[in-house]
Amino acid sequence: MSWTSMDIDDHLLALAQRQLGARTKQETINRALALAAAISAEDRARTLSWLQENSDSSLDFDVLEERERSGA
C-alpha cells in the first residue's frame, strides 16, 4: 500500500460510498479502483453497445431522472 494525499470531490465520494456499500473513504476508493481495474475496455465497449441498442426498451429515463433528483 502507498500513502497518497489528494483533493477528492466530497459529493462524488459520498455517492460512490453509498453505491458501493463502503464504510470508509479508504474502503470506497479501494472498491472503486478494484471495479475499474476489473472492467476491460472490451467489456465497456460491449456494455455501451448493448445500452445503445436496448435503451428504449430497458431504461425509463423519466424514472431515472426522478430517482436522481430524489437522491434515491
N, C-alpha and C. Protein backbone atom coordinates (compact mmCIF):
# COMPACT_ATOMS: atom_id res chain seq x y z
N MET A 1 0.84 -1.19 0.00
CA MET A 1 0.00 0.00 0.00
C MET A 1 0.88 1.24 0.00
N SER A 2 0.32 2.29 -0.54
CA SER A 2 1.04 3.55 -0.52
C SER A 2 0.14 4.63 0.08
N TRP A 3 0.75 5.67 0.59
CA TRP A 3 0.05 6.80 1.17
C TRP A 3 0.00 7.90 0.12
N THR A 4 -1.22 8.40 -0.19
CA THR A 4 -1.39 9.44 -1.19
C THR A 4 -2.31 10.51 -0.64
N SER A 5 -1.91 11.75 -0.77
CA SER A 5 -2.73 12.87 -0.34
C SER A 5 -3.25 13.58 -1.58
N MET A 6 -4.59 13.77 -1.65
CA MET A 6 -5.16 14.44 -2.82
C MET A 6 -6.50 15.05 -2.48
N ASP A 7 -6.94 15.96 -3.32
CA ASP A 7 -8.28 16.53 -3.20
C ASP A 7 -9.26 15.61 -3.90
N ILE A 8 -10.37 15.30 -3.22
CA ILE A 8 -11.40 14.42 -3.77
C ILE A 8 -12.74 15.13 -3.65
N ASP A 9 -13.54 15.02 -4.70
CA ASP A 9 -14.88 15.60 -4.71
C ASP A 9 -15.73 14.90 -3.64
N ASP A 10 -16.11 15.63 -2.59
CA ASP A 10 -16.85 15.04 -1.47
C ASP A 10 -18.20 14.47 -1.89
N HIS A 11 -18.88 15.16 -2.81
CA HIS A 11 -20.19 14.71 -3.28
C HIS A 11 -20.05 13.38 -4.01
N LEU A 12 -19.09 13.27 -4.92
CA LEU A 12 -18.88 12.03 -5.66
C LEU A 12 -18.42 10.90 -4.75
N LEU A 13 -17.60 11.23 -3.79
CA LEU A 13 -17.14 10.22 -2.83
C LEU A 13 -18.31 9.67 -2.03
N ALA A 14 -19.18 10.55 -1.56
CA ALA A 14 -20.35 10.11 -0.79
C ALA A 14 -21.28 9.25 -1.64
N LEU A 15 -21.48 9.65 -2.88
CA LEU A 15 -22.32 8.87 -3.79
C LEU A 15 -21.71 7.49 -4.02
N ALA A 16 -20.42 7.45 -4.30
CA ALA A 16 -19.73 6.17 -4.52
C ALA A 16 -19.79 5.31 -3.26
N GLN A 17 -19.63 5.92 -2.11
CA GLN A 17 -19.67 5.18 -0.85
C GLN A 17 -21.02 4.50 -0.66
N ARG A 18 -22.10 5.23 -0.95
CA ARG A 18 -23.44 4.64 -0.84
C ARG A 18 -23.62 3.53 -1.88
N GLN A 19 -23.21 3.78 -3.11
CA GLN A 19 -23.40 2.80 -4.18
C GLN A 19 -22.61 1.52 -3.92
N LEU A 20 -21.44 1.66 -3.35
CA LEU A 20 -20.57 0.50 -3.12
C LEU A 20 -20.79 -0.14 -1.76
N GLY A 21 -21.57 0.49 -0.90
CA GLY A 21 -21.81 -0.05 0.43
C GLY A 21 -20.56 -0.04 1.31
N ALA A 22 -19.70 0.92 1.07
CA ALA A 22 -18.44 1.01 1.83
C ALA A 22 -18.65 1.84 3.10
N ARG A 23 -17.85 1.56 4.12
CA ARG A 23 -17.97 2.26 5.40
C ARG A 23 -17.02 3.44 5.52
N THR A 24 -15.88 3.39 4.84
CA THR A 24 -14.87 4.45 4.98
C THR A 24 -14.46 4.98 3.62
N LYS A 25 -13.78 6.11 3.65
CA LYS A 25 -13.25 6.67 2.40
C LYS A 25 -12.26 5.71 1.76
N GLN A 26 -11.39 5.15 2.56
CA GLN A 26 -10.38 4.23 2.03
C GLN A 26 -11.04 3.02 1.38
N GLU A 27 -12.04 2.46 2.06
CA GLU A 27 -12.73 1.30 1.51
C GLU A 27 -13.45 1.66 0.21
N THR A 28 -14.05 2.84 0.17
CA THR A 28 -14.74 3.31 -1.03
C THR A 28 -13.77 3.39 -2.21
N ILE A 29 -12.65 4.04 -1.98
CA ILE A 29 -11.67 4.23 -3.06
C ILE A 29 -11.09 2.90 -3.50
N ASN A 30 -10.77 2.02 -2.56
CA ASN A 30 -10.23 0.72 -2.94
C ASN A 30 -11.23 -0.13 -3.70
N ARG A 31 -12.51 -0.09 -3.31
CA ARG A 31 -13.54 -0.83 -4.05
C ARG A 31 -13.71 -0.27 -5.46
N ALA A 32 -13.73 1.05 -5.56
CA ALA A 32 -13.87 1.68 -6.88
C ALA A 32 -12.68 1.34 -7.78
N LEU A 33 -11.50 1.36 -7.22
CA LEU A 33 -10.31 1.00 -8.00
C LEU A 33 -10.37 -0.46 -8.45
N ALA A 34 -10.82 -1.34 -7.57
CA ALA A 34 -10.93 -2.76 -7.92
C ALA A 34 -11.94 -2.95 -9.05
N LEU A 35 -13.05 -2.25 -8.98
CA LEU A 35 -14.04 -2.34 -10.05
C LEU A 35 -13.49 -1.83 -11.37
N ALA A 36 -12.85 -0.68 -11.33
CA ALA A 36 -12.28 -0.10 -12.54
C ALA A 36 -11.22 -1.00 -13.15
N ALA A 37 -10.41 -1.62 -12.31
CA ALA A 37 -9.34 -2.49 -12.80
C ALA A 37 -9.90 -3.78 -13.40
N ALA A 38 -11.07 -4.20 -12.92
CA ALA A 38 -11.64 -5.47 -13.37
C ALA A 38 -12.40 -5.35 -14.69
N ILE A 39 -12.76 -4.14 -15.06
CA ILE A 39 -13.56 -3.94 -16.26
C ILE A 39 -12.63 -3.57 -17.41
N SER A 40 -12.59 -4.43 -18.41
CA SER A 40 -11.72 -4.19 -19.56
C SER A 40 -12.38 -3.22 -20.54
N ALA A 41 -11.59 -2.67 -21.42
CA ALA A 41 -12.10 -1.77 -22.45
C ALA A 41 -13.11 -2.51 -23.33
N GLU A 42 -12.86 -3.78 -23.58
CA GLU A 42 -13.78 -4.58 -24.39
C GLU A 42 -15.12 -4.74 -23.68
N ASP A 43 -15.08 -4.97 -22.37
CA ASP A 43 -16.32 -5.07 -21.59
C ASP A 43 -17.10 -3.76 -21.66
N ARG A 44 -16.39 -2.64 -21.50
CA ARG A 44 -17.07 -1.34 -21.55
C ARG A 44 -17.69 -1.11 -22.92
N ALA A 45 -16.98 -1.43 -23.98
CA ALA A 45 -17.49 -1.23 -25.33
C ALA A 45 -18.71 -2.12 -25.57
N ARG A 46 -18.65 -3.36 -25.11
CA ARG A 46 -19.77 -4.28 -25.28
C ARG A 46 -21.00 -3.78 -24.51
N THR A 47 -20.79 -3.31 -23.31
CA THR A 47 -21.89 -2.80 -22.50
C THR A 47 -22.50 -1.55 -23.12
N LEU A 48 -21.66 -0.65 -23.58
CA LEU A 48 -22.15 0.57 -24.22
C LEU A 48 -22.96 0.24 -25.47
N SER A 49 -22.47 -0.69 -26.25
CA SER A 49 -23.19 -1.10 -27.46
C SER A 49 -24.56 -1.67 -27.10
N TRP A 50 -24.59 -2.53 -26.07
CA TRP A 50 -25.86 -3.11 -25.64
C TRP A 50 -26.82 -2.02 -25.17
N LEU A 51 -26.31 -1.08 -24.38
CA LEU A 51 -27.16 0.00 -23.89
C LEU A 51 -27.72 0.84 -25.04
N GLN A 52 -26.88 1.13 -26.02
CA GLN A 52 -27.35 1.91 -27.16
C GLN A 52 -28.44 1.17 -27.93
N GLU A 53 -28.30 -0.13 -28.07
CA GLU A 53 -29.27 -0.93 -28.81
C GLU A 53 -30.56 -1.17 -28.03
N ASN A 54 -30.47 -1.20 -26.70
CA ASN A 54 -31.62 -1.60 -25.88
C ASN A 54 -32.17 -0.54 -24.95
N SER A 55 -31.64 0.66 -25.01
CA SER A 55 -32.04 1.66 -24.02
C SER A 55 -33.53 1.99 -24.09
N ASP A 56 -34.10 2.03 -25.28
CA ASP A 56 -35.53 2.38 -25.38
C ASP A 56 -36.41 1.36 -24.68
N SER A 57 -36.05 0.08 -24.75
CA SER A 57 -36.89 -0.94 -24.14
C SER A 57 -36.47 -1.27 -22.71
N SER A 58 -35.30 -0.85 -22.29
CA SER A 58 -34.79 -1.25 -20.98
C SER A 58 -34.76 -0.12 -19.95
N LEU A 59 -34.65 1.10 -20.41
CA LEU A 59 -34.46 2.21 -19.48
C LEU A 59 -35.62 3.19 -19.58
N ASP A 60 -36.16 3.55 -18.44
CA ASP A 60 -37.17 4.58 -18.37
C ASP A 60 -36.48 5.83 -17.85
N PHE A 61 -36.11 6.72 -18.76
CA PHE A 61 -35.31 7.88 -18.40
C PHE A 61 -36.05 8.82 -17.46
N ASP A 62 -37.39 8.86 -17.53
CA ASP A 62 -38.15 9.69 -16.60
C ASP A 62 -37.99 9.17 -15.17
N VAL A 63 -38.04 7.85 -15.00
CA VAL A 63 -37.87 7.24 -13.68
C VAL A 63 -36.45 7.48 -13.18
N LEU A 64 -35.46 7.30 -14.05
CA LEU A 64 -34.06 7.52 -13.65
C LEU A 64 -33.83 8.97 -13.24
N GLU A 65 -34.41 9.90 -13.99
CA GLU A 65 -34.25 11.32 -13.66
C GLU A 65 -34.90 11.65 -12.32
N GLU A 66 -36.08 11.10 -12.07
CA GLU A 66 -36.76 11.33 -10.79
C GLU A 66 -35.96 10.74 -9.63
N ARG A 67 -35.40 9.54 -9.81
CA ARG A 67 -34.57 8.94 -8.77
C ARG A 67 -33.34 9.80 -8.49
N GLU A 68 -32.75 10.33 -9.54
CA GLU A 68 -31.57 11.18 -9.37
C GLU A 68 -31.94 12.44 -8.59
N ARG A 69 -33.07 13.04 -8.93
CA ARG A 69 -33.50 14.25 -8.22
C ARG A 69 -33.81 13.98 -6.75
N SER A 70 -34.39 12.80 -6.47
CA SER A 70 -34.78 12.49 -5.10
C SER A 70 -33.62 11.95 -4.26
N GLY A 71 -32.50 11.64 -4.92
CA GLY A 71 -31.35 11.11 -4.19
C GLY A 71 -31.46 9.64 -3.88
N ALA A 72 -32.41 8.96 -4.52
CA ALA A 72 -32.60 7.52 -4.28
C ALA A 72 -31.55 6.69 -4.96
